[in-house]
Amino acid sequence: MLKGVTCENAELCELRRVCVDGYGQHVFALAETTRAKSLVGTPDGAGEAARILDFARSELAQAALKISHCADAQGVTQRKYKL
């Protein structure tokens, strides 16, 4: 939904980019976690599942920082534009 919103100025475009990037990375990592869970039940999937979970954990940590930055930027934008 946020991807489809047009932005009026560079500051708002950057806010959108940061937020879309963070939340997109978070959703991707959750999907990878689900994929790893599906592999755990297969005969040879445990090793691959562990690798995927490590990657997903790293992605979630990176996404958390971006989402925090997004929330901070949203607060600044709301105060600046009195939204």
Protein backbone atom coordinates (compact mmCIF):
# COMPACT_ATOMS: atom_id res chain seq x y z
CA MET A 1 0.00 0.00 0.00
CA LEU A 2 2.74 2.47 0.93
CA LYS A 3 4.59 1.71 -2.30
CA GLY A 4 1.67 3.05 -4.33
CA VAL A 5 1.48 6.37 -2.50
CA THR A 6 2.87 9.28 -4.48
CA CYS A 7 5.14 11.65 -2.64
CA GLU A 8 5.07 15.40 -2.92
CA ASN A 9 8.66 16.29 -2.05
CA ALA A 10 12.09 14.73 -1.57
CA GLU A 11 11.72 14.46 2.20
CA LEU A 12 8.46 12.52 1.94
CA CYS A 13 9.86 10.34 -0.85
CA GLU A 14 12.80 9.43 1.39
CA LEU A 15 10.45 8.63 4.27
CA ARG A 16 8.47 6.33 2.00
CA ARG A 17 11.64 4.65 0.72
CA VAL A 18 12.99 4.01 4.21
CA CYS A 19 9.69 2.62 5.47
CA VAL A 20 9.04 0.44 2.42
CA ASP A 21 12.58 -0.91 2.60
CA GLY A 22 12.37 -1.78 6.31
CA TYR A 23 8.94 -3.35 6.26
CA GLY A 24 9.66 -5.15 2.99
CA GLN A 25 12.79 -6.70 4.46
CA HIS A 26 10.82 -7.72 7.57
CA VAL A 27 8.10 -9.44 5.53
CA PHE A 28 10.74 -11.21 3.42
CA ALA A 29 12.48 -12.52 6.55
CA LEU A 30 9.18 -13.81 7.94
CA ALA A 31 8.55 -15.64 4.66
CA GLU A 32 12.02 -17.19 4.90
CA THR A 33 11.22 -18.35 8.43
CA THR A 34 8.08 -20.04 7.14
CA ARG A 35 10.09 -21.66 4.36
CA ALA A 36 12.61 -22.98 6.88
CA LYS A 37 9.83 -24.45 9.02
CA SER A 38 8.56 -26.37 6.01
CA LEU A 39 12.02 -27.85 5.43
CA VAL A 40 12.49 -29.06 9.01
CA GLY A 41 10.01 -31.88 8.44
CA THR A 42 11.80 -33.22 5.38
CA PRO A 43 14.47 -35.94 5.58
CA ASP A 44 17.38 -33.79 4.38
CA GLY A 45 16.01 -30.34 5.18
CA ALA A 46 17.39 -29.66 8.66
CA GLY A 47 20.71 -28.24 7.46
CA GLU A 48 19.09 -26.01 4.86
CA ALA A 49 16.47 -24.93 7.39
CA ALA A 50 19.19 -23.90 9.84
CA ARG A 51 20.97 -21.88 7.15
CA ILE A 52 17.74 -20.15 6.16
CA LEU A 53 16.86 -19.38 9.78
CA ASP A 54 20.28 -17.82 10.39
CA PHE A 55 19.79 -15.66 7.32
CA ALA A 56 16.22 -14.73 8.38
CA ARG A 57 17.45 -13.79 11.85
CA SER A 58 20.03 -11.46 10.33
CA GLU A 59 17.44 -9.94 7.99
CA LEU A 60 15.02 -9.36 10.89
CA ALA A 61 17.72 -7.59 12.90
CA GLN A 62 18.55 -5.32 9.95
CA ALA A 63 14.86 -4.68 9.31
CA ALA A 64 14.30 -3.72 12.95
CA LEU A 65 16.87 -0.93 12.65
CA LYS A 66 15.26 0.34 9.44
CA ILE A 67 11.77 0.19 10.95
CA SER A 68 13.00 2.13 13.98
CA HIS A 69 14.46 4.76 11.63
CA CYS A 70 11.14 4.82 9.76
CA ALA A 71 9.19 5.42 12.98
CA ASP A 72 11.57 8.22 14.02
CA ALA A 73 11.28 9.84 10.59
CA GLN A 74 7.50 9.55 10.70
CA GLY A 75 7.43 11.41 14.02
CA VAL A 76 9.61 14.19 12.62
CA THR A 77 7.42 14.42 9.51
CA GLN A 78 4.20 14.50 11.53
CA ARG A 79 5.50 17.32 13.71
CA LYS A 80 6.91 19.27 10.76
CA TYR A 81 3.78 19.02 8.61
CA LYS A 82 1.34 18.94 11.54
CA LEU A 83 -0.24 15.71 10.33
